[in-house]
Structure formats: structure tokens, C-alpha cells
Amino acid sequence: MKKFFSKLLVVTTIACAVVLAGCGRKMPEQDGKKQEQESKTQKNEAAYEASIISDYEWQASGDGSLIVCDEDGTFKYYRSAEDLTDSYYEGTYEFYIGEDAVTYVTKTLSDYGITEDELEDLFDRNEEYDESNFVCLVLNNEKCIIGGENQIESPYKTPYYGFCLEEDEKLCLDIANMNTANYALYVAK
């Protein structure tokens, strides 16, 4: 079942990239493509550092959930940004960006079946998607507090992968849950 979800996740991500690649964008001329790619990579490398995850709170544009990652390596994932007292997960997190994220997703999380070739294809299909802004966020869920009580008997991981982008002049995490293939857009607050 895990392999099915991992393949579904890859297909969904590639399909989104293909659709987004055609949305209102003109394809660059072949002669300028390499120069444009280099410029894009330099911009993204300068803009995104691993500390970006703890520099902001991240609110989902769809369901209003909120991820808060602290510099000490701990996180809280609130089901609603409106209630920070109950219905939340907490634990530690790992965050990878760029080449480190590619390596982590394709090697450490290899059971999900995502390959470097698939990621390279994804990077090539959309000018916003690049190795330098590729991210992997792993939430190590240690507690789930509902009604003031912990609901988790044993810790488990929830890995996400996707991209750190600017959308409408706002910094966003455009990511998918690797366990469920659910997509979310988290906006920096």
C-alpha cells in the first residue's frame, strides 16, 4: 500500500508540475534557457536557507492548519490556527533543502520510490521548480494532544516534500504528505 501511495504521490506531483508549467507562461527560447536556469538557481540559492523553516510560522491556505518549527528542532502542528491549546501534534523535526533534500528523499526515504531521475524531470518541467528550492520536512510525531490528552502510543514520522516558492509576493511551502499524498500550500506568517 505504501508503494501505491508513493507512486501516486510522484504521479500527482509530476502532473501538477506539467499543469503549472503551462499556466500563463511562455516557454523560454532555447538559447536563453541555460542562462535563465543559472539565474534562477543563483536567486533561489541566495533566498532559501535551511533556517527558513524556523524563521516563520506556516499556515495552510486550505484548512487553516499551522506548523510552527522552533530553532531547537521541535515543532507543533495545530489543526487550526484559531485554537493553539488543543488538537495539535508535537515532536521534533528535520528539514532539508536543495541537494540535501534530494538525497534525503531519494536515499533515506527510498521506500517511497521517488528517484533522482523523477525529480530531475520535475525540475526540468517548470521554471519555478529547481533543486535549490526543493525541500523535505519530516515531522517526528511524539504526541497528539486532543482534549488535553496524548493520543499517540508510539512515535511516527510524517515526511513532506515539495518546494519553497514565492507566490503573490508571499513565501510558501508547496508540499505533499508522503504518507497520504495529500497536497498543501503553507504560507509564511
N, C-alpha and C. Protein backbone atom coordinates (compact mmCIF):
# COMPACT_ATOMS: atom_id res chain seq x y z
N MET A 1 0.82 -1.19 0.00
CA MET A 1 0.00 0.00 0.00
C MET A 1 0.87 1.25 0.00
N LYS A 2 2.00 1.21 0.76
CA LYS A 2 2.90 2.35 0.84
C LYS A 2 3.47 2.67 -0.55
N LYS A 3 3.80 1.60 -1.32
CA LYS A 3 4.34 1.80 -2.66
C LYS A 3 3.31 2.44 -3.58
N PHE A 4 2.03 2.04 -3.42
CA PHE A 4 0.97 2.63 -4.21
C PHE A 4 0.89 4.13 -3.95
N PHE A 5 0.89 4.52 -2.66
CA PHE A 5 0.82 5.94 -2.31
C PHE A 5 2.05 6.70 -2.79
N SER A 6 3.22 6.06 -2.73
CA SER A 6 4.42 6.76 -3.18
C SER A 6 4.36 7.00 -4.68
N LYS A 7 3.91 6.02 -5.45
CA LYS A 7 3.78 6.21 -6.90
C LYS A 7 2.69 7.24 -7.20
N LEU A 8 1.57 7.19 -6.45
CA LEU A 8 0.52 8.17 -6.62
C LEU A 8 1.04 9.57 -6.33
N LEU A 9 1.87 9.70 -5.31
CA LEU A 9 2.46 10.98 -4.95
C LEU A 9 3.35 11.50 -6.07
N VAL A 10 4.17 10.63 -6.63
CA VAL A 10 5.06 11.03 -7.73
C VAL A 10 4.24 11.45 -8.93
N VAL A 11 3.24 10.65 -9.30
CA VAL A 11 2.41 10.97 -10.46
C VAL A 11 1.66 12.28 -10.24
N THR A 12 1.11 12.47 -9.04
CA THR A 12 0.39 13.70 -8.73
C THR A 12 1.31 14.91 -8.80
N THR A 13 2.50 14.80 -8.25
CA THR A 13 3.46 15.90 -8.26
C THR A 13 3.87 16.24 -9.69
N ILE A 14 4.17 15.23 -10.48
CA ILE A 14 4.57 15.47 -11.87
C ILE A 14 3.41 16.07 -12.65
N ALA A 15 2.20 15.57 -12.42
CA ALA A 15 1.03 16.12 -13.11
C ALA A 15 0.82 17.58 -12.75
N CYS A 16 0.96 17.92 -11.47
CA CYS A 16 0.84 19.32 -11.05
C CYS A 16 1.91 20.18 -11.72
N ALA A 17 3.12 19.67 -11.79
CA ALA A 17 4.20 20.42 -12.42
C ALA A 17 3.92 20.66 -13.89
N VAL A 18 3.40 19.65 -14.58
CA VAL A 18 3.09 19.79 -16.01
C VAL A 18 1.99 20.82 -16.20
N VAL A 19 0.94 20.75 -15.38
CA VAL A 19 -0.15 21.71 -15.49
C VAL A 19 0.34 23.12 -15.19
N LEU A 20 1.10 23.26 -14.10
CA LEU A 20 1.60 24.58 -13.72
C LEU A 20 2.57 25.14 -14.76
N ALA A 21 3.30 24.28 -15.42
CA ALA A 21 4.26 24.73 -16.42
C ALA A 21 3.56 25.42 -17.58
N GLY A 22 2.32 25.06 -17.84
CA GLY A 22 1.60 25.65 -18.96
C GLY A 22 0.69 26.79 -18.58
N CYS A 23 0.58 27.12 -17.32
CA CYS A 23 -0.34 28.16 -16.86
C CYS A 23 0.23 29.55 -17.05
N GLY A 24 -0.14 30.17 -18.15
CA GLY A 24 0.20 31.57 -18.37
C GLY A 24 1.66 31.88 -18.55
N ARG A 25 2.48 30.91 -18.83
CA ARG A 25 3.90 31.15 -19.01
C ARG A 25 4.29 30.89 -20.45
N LYS A 26 5.15 31.73 -20.97
CA LYS A 26 5.75 31.48 -22.27
C LYS A 26 7.00 30.66 -22.05
N MET A 27 7.23 29.71 -22.91
CA MET A 27 8.43 28.89 -22.80
C MET A 27 9.64 29.72 -23.22
N PRO A 28 10.73 29.68 -22.48
CA PRO A 28 11.91 30.45 -22.85
C PRO A 28 12.53 29.91 -24.13
N GLU A 29 13.17 30.79 -24.86
CA GLU A 29 13.89 30.37 -26.06
C GLU A 29 15.02 29.45 -25.65
N GLN A 30 15.35 28.49 -26.50
CA GLN A 30 16.39 27.52 -26.18
C GLN A 30 17.73 28.20 -25.89
N ASP A 31 18.09 29.24 -26.66
CA ASP A 31 19.38 29.91 -26.48
C ASP A 31 19.50 30.53 -25.08
N GLY A 32 18.42 31.07 -24.57
CA GLY A 32 18.47 31.74 -23.29
C GLY A 32 18.12 30.85 -22.12
N LYS A 33 17.73 29.61 -22.40
CA LYS A 33 17.27 28.71 -21.34
C LYS A 33 18.35 28.44 -20.30
N LYS A 34 19.56 28.14 -20.74
CA LYS A 34 20.63 27.83 -19.80
C LYS A 34 20.95 29.03 -18.92
N GLN A 35 21.02 30.21 -19.54
CA GLN A 35 21.32 31.42 -18.79
C GLN A 35 20.20 31.70 -17.78
N GLU A 36 18.94 31.49 -18.20
CA GLU A 36 17.81 31.71 -17.31
C GLU A 36 17.85 30.73 -16.14
N GLN A 37 18.17 29.46 -16.41
CA GLN A 37 18.28 28.45 -15.36
C GLN A 37 19.36 28.83 -14.36
N GLU A 38 20.52 29.29 -14.85
CA GLU A 38 21.60 29.69 -13.95
C GLU A 38 21.17 30.86 -13.08
N SER A 39 20.47 31.82 -13.68
CA SER A 39 20.00 32.98 -12.94
C SER A 39 18.99 32.56 -11.87
N LYS A 40 18.07 31.66 -12.25
CA LYS A 40 17.06 31.17 -11.32
C LYS A 40 17.72 30.44 -10.15
N THR A 41 18.69 29.60 -10.45
CA THR A 41 19.38 28.84 -9.41
C THR A 41 20.11 29.77 -8.45
N GLN A 42 20.80 30.78 -8.98
CA GLN A 42 21.51 31.73 -8.13
C GLN A 42 20.53 32.47 -7.23
N LYS A 43 19.39 32.89 -7.77
CA LYS A 43 18.39 33.60 -6.98
C LYS A 43 17.87 32.72 -5.85
N ASN A 44 17.51 31.47 -6.18
CA ASN A 44 16.98 30.57 -5.17
C ASN A 44 18.01 30.21 -4.12
N GLU A 45 19.27 29.99 -4.53
CA GLU A 45 20.31 29.66 -3.57
C GLU A 45 20.51 30.80 -2.58
N ALA A 46 20.41 32.02 -3.06
CA ALA A 46 20.60 33.17 -2.18
C ALA A 46 19.40 33.36 -1.25
N ALA A 47 18.21 32.97 -1.71
CA ALA A 47 17.00 33.28 -0.98
C ALA A 47 16.63 32.24 0.08
N TYR A 48 16.96 30.99 -0.13
CA TYR A 48 16.45 29.94 0.74
C TYR A 48 17.57 29.23 1.49
N GLU A 49 17.51 29.29 2.79
CA GLU A 49 18.45 28.60 3.67
C GLU A 49 17.64 27.63 4.53
N ALA A 50 18.31 26.66 5.10
CA ALA A 50 17.62 25.66 5.92
C ALA A 50 16.91 26.28 7.12
N SER A 51 17.40 27.42 7.60
CA SER A 51 16.77 28.05 8.77
C SER A 51 15.41 28.66 8.43
N ILE A 52 15.06 28.68 7.16
CA ILE A 52 13.80 29.30 6.75
C ILE A 52 12.60 28.66 7.44
N ILE A 53 12.70 27.38 7.75
CA ILE A 53 11.57 26.67 8.36
C ILE A 53 11.26 27.21 9.75
N SER A 54 12.29 27.64 10.49
CA SER A 54 12.06 28.16 11.85
C SER A 54 11.96 29.68 11.88
N ASP A 55 12.17 30.32 10.75
CA ASP A 55 12.06 31.78 10.69
C ASP A 55 10.61 32.27 10.65
N TYR A 56 9.68 31.37 10.32
CA TYR A 56 8.28 31.73 10.13
C TYR A 56 7.37 30.69 10.77
N GLU A 57 6.11 31.07 10.93
CA GLU A 57 5.04 30.11 11.19
C GLU A 57 4.41 29.87 9.83
N TRP A 58 3.93 28.64 9.58
CA TRP A 58 3.43 28.26 8.26
C TRP A 58 1.96 27.85 8.36
N GLN A 59 1.07 28.64 7.74
CA GLN A 59 -0.36 28.36 7.79
C GLN A 59 -0.84 27.83 6.45
N ALA A 60 -1.59 26.72 6.49
CA ALA A 60 -2.13 26.11 5.27
C ALA A 60 -3.22 27.01 4.70
N SER A 61 -3.15 27.22 3.39
CA SER A 61 -4.13 28.07 2.74
C SER A 61 -5.49 27.40 2.65
N GLY A 62 -5.54 26.08 2.73
CA GLY A 62 -6.81 25.36 2.60
C GLY A 62 -7.54 25.17 3.91
N ASP A 63 -6.96 24.38 4.80
CA ASP A 63 -7.67 24.02 6.04
C ASP A 63 -7.31 24.89 7.24
N GLY A 64 -6.37 25.81 7.09
CA GLY A 64 -6.01 26.70 8.18
C GLY A 64 -5.12 26.10 9.24
N SER A 65 -4.62 24.88 9.00
CA SER A 65 -3.69 24.28 9.97
C SER A 65 -2.41 25.11 10.03
N LEU A 66 -1.64 24.92 11.08
CA LEU A 66 -0.47 25.75 11.31
C LEU A 66 0.69 24.88 11.77
N ILE A 67 1.85 25.06 11.14
CA ILE A 67 3.08 24.38 11.56
C ILE A 67 4.02 25.43 12.13
N VAL A 68 4.49 25.19 13.34
CA VAL A 68 5.45 26.08 13.99
C VAL A 68 6.68 25.25 14.34
N CYS A 69 7.80 25.53 13.66
CA CYS A 69 9.06 24.84 13.91
C CYS A 69 10.01 25.79 14.63
N ASP A 70 10.49 25.37 15.77
CA ASP A 70 11.40 26.20 16.55
C ASP A 70 12.86 25.89 16.20
N GLU A 71 13.74 26.83 16.51
CA GLU A 71 15.17 26.67 16.24
C GLU A 71 15.78 25.49 16.98
N ASP A 72 15.17 25.08 18.09
CA ASP A 72 15.71 23.97 18.88
C ASP A 72 15.38 22.59 18.30
N GLY A 73 14.71 22.56 17.14
CA GLY A 73 14.40 21.29 16.49
C GLY A 73 13.07 20.68 16.89
N THR A 74 12.24 21.43 17.61
CA THR A 74 10.91 20.94 17.98
C THR A 74 9.85 21.64 17.13
N PHE A 75 8.68 21.00 17.05
CA PHE A 75 7.59 21.59 16.27
C PHE A 75 6.27 21.36 16.98
N LYS A 76 5.28 22.14 16.56
CA LYS A 76 3.87 21.89 16.88
C LYS A 76 3.10 22.07 15.58
N TYR A 77 2.21 21.12 15.33
CA TYR A 77 1.34 21.17 14.16
C TYR A 77 -0.09 21.29 14.69
N TYR A 78 -0.66 22.47 14.53
CA TYR A 78 -2.00 22.73 15.04
C TYR A 78 -3.02 22.47 13.93
N ARG A 79 -4.07 21.77 14.26
CA ARG A 79 -5.11 21.52 13.26
C ARG A 79 -5.82 22.80 12.86
N SER A 80 -5.79 23.79 13.73
CA SER A 80 -6.39 25.09 13.43
C SER A 80 -5.54 26.19 14.05
N ALA A 81 -5.26 27.21 13.27
CA ALA A 81 -4.51 28.36 13.78
C ALA A 81 -5.36 29.15 14.78
N GLU A 82 -6.65 28.87 14.81
CA GLU A 82 -7.57 29.56 15.72
C GLU A 82 -7.53 29.00 17.14
N ASP A 83 -7.06 27.75 17.29
CA ASP A 83 -7.01 27.12 18.61
C ASP A 83 -5.63 26.52 18.82
N LEU A 84 -4.81 27.19 19.62
CA LEU A 84 -3.45 26.73 19.90
C LEU A 84 -3.34 26.02 21.24
N THR A 85 -4.48 25.64 21.81
CA THR A 85 -4.48 24.98 23.12
C THR A 85 -4.81 23.49 23.05
N ASP A 86 -5.37 23.04 21.93
CA ASP A 86 -5.78 21.64 21.82
C ASP A 86 -5.74 21.22 20.35
N SER A 87 -5.85 19.94 20.12
CA SER A 87 -5.85 19.37 18.76
C SER A 87 -4.57 19.74 18.01
N TYR A 88 -3.44 19.26 18.55
CA TYR A 88 -2.16 19.52 17.90
C TYR A 88 -1.22 18.33 18.08
N TYR A 89 -0.25 18.27 17.19
CA TYR A 89 0.84 17.30 17.27
C TYR A 89 2.08 18.04 17.74
N GLU A 90 2.97 17.32 18.40
CA GLU A 90 4.25 17.92 18.75
C GLU A 90 5.33 16.85 18.72
N GLY A 91 6.56 17.31 18.54
CA GLY A 91 7.70 16.41 18.49
C GLY A 91 8.91 17.15 17.95
N THR A 92 9.76 16.42 17.28
CA THR A 92 10.94 17.02 16.66
C THR A 92 10.77 17.00 15.15
N TYR A 93 11.59 17.79 14.47
CA TYR A 93 11.51 17.83 13.01
C TYR A 93 12.90 17.80 12.41
N GLU A 94 12.93 17.43 11.15
CA GLU A 94 14.14 17.51 10.32
C GLU A 94 13.74 18.30 9.08
N PHE A 95 14.61 19.18 8.63
CA PHE A 95 14.32 19.97 7.44
C PHE A 95 15.53 19.98 6.52
N TYR A 96 15.29 19.65 5.27
CA TYR A 96 16.36 19.59 4.27
C TYR A 96 15.96 20.46 3.09
N ILE A 97 16.95 21.09 2.49
CA ILE A 97 16.69 21.93 1.32
C ILE A 97 17.80 21.71 0.30
N GLY A 98 17.45 21.84 -0.98
CA GLY A 98 18.43 21.69 -2.05
C GLY A 98 18.89 20.26 -2.23
N GLU A 99 20.18 20.12 -2.48
CA GLU A 99 20.77 18.80 -2.71
C GLU A 99 20.55 17.87 -1.52
N ASP A 100 20.60 18.42 -0.31
CA ASP A 100 20.36 17.60 0.89
C ASP A 100 18.95 17.01 0.87
N ALA A 101 17.97 17.79 0.41
CA ALA A 101 16.59 17.30 0.33
C ALA A 101 16.46 16.21 -0.72
N VAL A 102 17.10 16.40 -1.87
CA VAL A 102 17.06 15.37 -2.92
C VAL A 102 17.65 14.07 -2.39
N THR A 103 18.81 14.16 -1.75
CA THR A 103 19.46 12.97 -1.20
C THR A 103 18.59 12.30 -0.15
N TYR A 104 18.01 13.08 0.74
CA TYR A 104 17.18 12.51 1.81
C TYR A 104 15.95 11.79 1.24
N VAL A 105 15.28 12.45 0.29
CA VAL A 105 14.07 11.85 -0.30
C VAL A 105 14.39 10.60 -1.10
N THR A 106 15.45 10.64 -1.90
CA THR A 106 15.75 9.51 -2.79
C THR A 106 16.53 8.38 -2.11
N LYS A 107 17.28 8.69 -1.07
CA LYS A 107 18.09 7.66 -0.41
C LYS A 107 17.48 7.23 0.93
N THR A 108 17.36 8.15 1.87
CA THR A 108 16.85 7.81 3.19
C THR A 108 15.38 7.38 3.13
N LEU A 109 14.59 8.05 2.30
CA LEU A 109 13.18 7.71 2.15
C LEU A 109 12.94 6.89 0.88
N SER A 110 13.89 6.06 0.52
CA SER A 110 13.82 5.30 -0.74
C SER A 110 12.63 4.35 -0.80
N ASP A 111 12.08 3.95 0.35
CA ASP A 111 10.89 3.08 0.35
C ASP A 111 9.69 3.73 -0.34
N TYR A 112 9.70 5.04 -0.46
CA TYR A 112 8.61 5.74 -1.13
C TYR A 112 8.73 5.69 -2.65
N GLY A 113 9.88 5.24 -3.15
CA GLY A 113 10.04 5.01 -4.59
C GLY A 113 10.29 6.23 -5.44
N ILE A 114 10.68 7.34 -4.85
CA ILE A 114 10.96 8.55 -5.63
C ILE A 114 12.43 8.55 -6.00
N THR A 115 12.71 8.70 -7.30
CA THR A 115 14.09 8.61 -7.78
C THR A 115 14.64 9.98 -8.16
N GLU A 116 15.96 10.06 -8.24
CA GLU A 116 16.60 11.30 -8.68
C GLU A 116 16.17 11.67 -10.09
N ASP A 117 16.02 10.66 -10.97
CA ASP A 117 15.58 10.93 -12.34
C ASP A 117 14.20 11.55 -12.38
N GLU A 118 13.29 11.07 -11.53
CA GLU A 118 11.94 11.64 -11.49
C GLU A 118 11.98 13.09 -11.00
N LEU A 119 12.82 13.35 -10.02
CA LEU A 119 12.94 14.72 -9.52
C LEU A 119 13.57 15.63 -10.57
N GLU A 120 14.60 15.16 -11.26
CA GLU A 120 15.23 15.96 -12.33
C GLU A 120 14.21 16.29 -13.41
N ASP A 121 13.37 15.32 -13.76
CA ASP A 121 12.32 15.56 -14.75
C ASP A 121 11.36 16.63 -14.25
N LEU A 122 11.01 16.57 -12.98
CA LEU A 122 10.14 17.57 -12.37
C LEU A 122 10.79 18.95 -12.42
N PHE A 123 12.07 19.04 -12.09
CA PHE A 123 12.79 20.31 -12.12
C PHE A 123 12.81 20.89 -13.53
N ASP A 124 12.97 20.02 -14.53
CA ASP A 124 13.07 20.46 -15.92
C ASP A 124 11.73 20.94 -16.48
N ARG A 125 10.63 20.51 -15.93
CA ARG A 125 9.31 20.81 -16.48
C ARG A 125 8.74 22.16 -16.04
N ASN A 126 9.27 22.77 -15.01
CA ASN A 126 8.70 24.01 -14.51
C ASN A 126 9.80 24.94 -14.04
N GLU A 127 9.75 26.16 -14.49
CA GLU A 127 10.83 27.10 -14.15
C GLU A 127 10.88 27.46 -12.68
N GLU A 128 9.80 27.28 -11.95
CA GLU A 128 9.81 27.57 -10.51
C GLU A 128 10.40 26.44 -9.69
N TYR A 129 10.42 25.24 -10.24
CA TYR A 129 10.91 24.07 -9.52
C TYR A 129 12.36 23.83 -9.86
N ASP A 130 13.19 23.81 -8.83
CA ASP A 130 14.63 23.68 -9.02
C ASP A 130 15.18 22.93 -7.81
N GLU A 131 16.30 22.29 -7.99
CA GLU A 131 16.90 21.58 -6.86
C GLU A 131 17.17 22.52 -5.69
N SER A 132 17.52 23.77 -5.99
CA SER A 132 17.89 24.69 -4.92
C SER A 132 16.71 25.08 -4.02
N ASN A 133 15.46 24.96 -4.50
CA ASN A 133 14.32 25.29 -3.65
C ASN A 133 13.47 24.05 -3.32
N PHE A 134 14.03 22.87 -3.61
CA PHE A 134 13.38 21.61 -3.26
C PHE A 134 13.56 21.38 -1.76
N VAL A 135 12.48 20.99 -1.07
CA VAL A 135 12.54 20.82 0.38
C VAL A 135 11.96 19.48 0.82
N CYS A 136 12.41 19.04 1.98
CA CYS A 136 11.83 17.87 2.64
C CYS A 136 11.71 18.21 4.12
N LEU A 137 10.50 18.11 4.64
CA LEU A 137 10.22 18.35 6.05
C LEU A 137 9.72 17.05 6.65
N VAL A 138 10.39 16.58 7.69
CA VAL A 138 9.98 15.35 8.37
C VAL A 138 9.55 15.71 9.78
N LEU A 139 8.28 15.45 10.08
CA LEU A 139 7.76 15.67 11.42
C LEU A 139 7.79 14.35 12.17
N ASN A 140 8.55 14.32 13.26
CA ASN A 140 8.63 13.13 14.12
C ASN A 140 7.59 13.31 15.22
N ASN A 141 6.40 12.79 14.96
CA ASN A 141 5.26 12.98 15.86
C ASN A 141 5.44 12.16 17.13
N GLU A 142 5.56 12.85 18.26
CA GLU A 142 5.74 12.19 19.54
C GLU A 142 4.49 12.25 20.39
N LYS A 143 3.68 13.29 20.17
CA LYS A 143 2.42 13.45 20.91
C LYS A 143 1.35 13.99 19.97
N CYS A 144 0.12 13.60 20.22
CA CYS A 144 -1.05 14.18 19.58
C CYS A 144 -2.01 14.52 20.71
N ILE A 145 -2.17 15.79 20.97
CA ILE A 145 -2.98 16.23 22.10
C ILE A 145 -4.39 16.56 21.62
N ILE A 146 -5.36 15.81 22.12
CA ILE A 146 -6.77 16.06 21.84
C ILE A 146 -7.51 15.96 23.17
N GLY A 147 -8.28 16.98 23.47
CA GLY A 147 -8.97 17.00 24.77
C GLY A 147 -8.00 17.03 25.93
N GLY A 148 -6.82 17.59 25.69
CA GLY A 148 -5.81 17.71 26.74
C GLY A 148 -5.02 16.44 27.01
N GLU A 149 -5.28 15.36 26.24
CA GLU A 149 -4.59 14.09 26.48
C GLU A 149 -3.86 13.61 25.24
N ASN A 150 -2.72 12.96 25.47
CA ASN A 150 -1.92 12.41 24.37
C ASN A 150 -2.63 11.18 23.79
N GLN A 151 -2.77 11.16 22.47
CA GLN A 151 -3.45 10.07 21.79
C GLN A 151 -2.49 9.10 21.09
N ILE A 152 -1.19 9.38 21.11
CA ILE A 152 -0.20 8.56 20.40
C ILE A 152 0.45 7.57 21.37
N GLU A 153 0.41 6.30 21.00
CA GLU A 153 1.07 5.28 21.82
C GLU A 153 2.55 5.15 21.47
N SER A 154 2.86 5.26 20.18
CA SER A 154 4.28 5.20 19.78
C SER A 154 4.53 6.25 18.69
N PRO A 155 5.68 6.91 18.74
CA PRO A 155 6.01 7.97 17.78
C PRO A 155 6.05 7.45 16.34
N TYR A 156 5.77 8.35 15.40
CA TYR A 156 5.86 8.01 13.98
C TYR A 156 6.23 9.25 13.18
N LYS A 157 6.71 9.01 11.96
CA LYS A 157 7.17 10.09 11.09
C LYS A 157 6.12 10.46 10.06
N THR A 158 6.06 11.75 9.75
CA THR A 158 5.26 12.25 8.63
C THR A 158 6.19 13.07 7.75
N PRO A 159 6.65 12.50 6.63
CA PRO A 159 7.52 13.26 5.73
C PRO A 159 6.72 14.02 4.68
N TYR A 160 7.17 15.22 4.37
CA TYR A 160 6.60 16.05 3.31
C TYR A 160 7.72 16.38 2.34
N TYR A 161 7.36 16.53 1.07
CA TYR A 161 8.35 17.04 0.13
C TYR A 161 7.68 17.97 -0.86
N GLY A 162 8.47 18.89 -1.40
CA GLY A 162 7.93 19.87 -2.34
C GLY A 162 8.91 21.00 -2.52
N PHE A 163 8.37 22.23 -2.55
CA PHE A 163 9.20 23.37 -2.90
C PHE A 163 8.90 24.58 -2.02
N CYS A 164 9.93 25.38 -1.83
CA CYS A 164 9.80 26.68 -1.18
C CYS A 164 9.73 27.70 -2.31
N LEU A 165 8.61 28.41 -2.40
CA LEU A 165 8.36 29.32 -3.52
C LEU A 165 7.86 30.66 -3.03
N GLU A 166 7.88 31.63 -3.92
CA GLU A 166 7.22 32.90 -3.66
C GLU A 166 5.99 32.95 -4.54
N GLU A 167 4.83 33.15 -3.91
CA GLU A 167 3.57 33.23 -4.63
C GLU A 167 2.85 34.48 -4.17
N ASP A 168 2.50 35.34 -5.12
CA ASP A 168 1.87 36.62 -4.79
C ASP A 168 2.68 37.38 -3.75
N GLU A 169 4.00 37.37 -3.92
CA GLU A 169 4.95 38.06 -3.05
C GLU A 169 4.95 37.52 -1.62
N LYS A 170 4.46 36.30 -1.44
CA LYS A 170 4.49 35.65 -0.13
C LYS A 170 5.31 34.38 -0.24
N LEU A 171 6.08 34.10 0.79
CA LEU A 171 6.88 32.88 0.85
C LEU A 171 5.97 31.71 1.18
N CYS A 172 6.10 30.61 0.42
CA CYS A 172 5.22 29.46 0.58
C CYS A 172 6.00 28.16 0.58
N LEU A 173 5.46 27.18 1.29
CA LEU A 173 5.90 25.79 1.17
C LEU A 173 4.81 25.06 0.40
N ASP A 174 5.14 24.64 -0.79
CA ASP A 174 4.23 23.93 -1.69
C ASP A 174 4.60 22.45 -1.57
N ILE A 175 3.95 21.74 -0.64
CA ILE A 175 4.42 20.41 -0.25
C ILE A 175 3.31 19.36 -0.27
N ALA A 176 3.75 18.09 -0.32
CA ALA A 176 2.83 16.96 -0.28
C ALA A 176 3.24 16.02 0.85
N ASN A 177 2.26 15.48 1.54
CA ASN A 177 2.49 14.49 2.59
C ASN A 177 2.85 13.18 1.90
N MET A 178 4.01 12.64 2.19
CA MET A 178 4.48 11.43 1.52
C MET A 178 3.77 10.18 2.00
N ASN A 179 3.09 10.23 3.14
CA ASN A 179 2.33 9.07 3.62
C ASN A 179 0.95 8.99 2.98
N THR A 180 0.32 10.14 2.76
CA THR A 180 -1.07 10.16 2.28
C THR A 180 -1.23 10.71 0.87
N ALA A 181 -0.20 11.34 0.33
CA ALA A 181 -0.24 12.01 -0.98
C ALA A 181 -1.12 13.26 -0.96
N ASN A 182 -1.49 13.75 0.23
CA ASN A 182 -2.25 14.99 0.32
C ASN A 182 -1.34 16.18 0.07
N TYR A 183 -1.82 17.12 -0.71
CA TYR A 183 -1.08 18.31 -1.07
C TYR A 183 -1.52 19.47 -0.19
N ALA A 184 -0.57 20.36 0.15
CA ALA A 184 -0.91 21.55 0.92
C ALA A 184 0.01 22.70 0.53
N LEU A 185 -0.53 23.89 0.61
CA LEU A 185 0.25 25.11 0.38
C LEU A 185 0.28 25.86 1.71
N TYR A 186 1.46 25.93 2.32
CA TYR A 186 1.64 26.64 3.58
C TYR A 186 2.27 28.00 3.30
N VAL A 187 1.65 29.04 3.84
CA VAL A 187 2.11 30.41 3.62
C VAL A 187 2.80 30.91 4.88
N ALA A 188 3.96 31.54 4.71
CA ALA A 188 4.71 32.07 5.84
C ALA A 188 3.95 33.22 6.49
N LYS A 189 3.93 33.21 7.82
CA LYS A 189 3.28 34.29 8.58
C LYS A 189 4.33 35.05 9.36
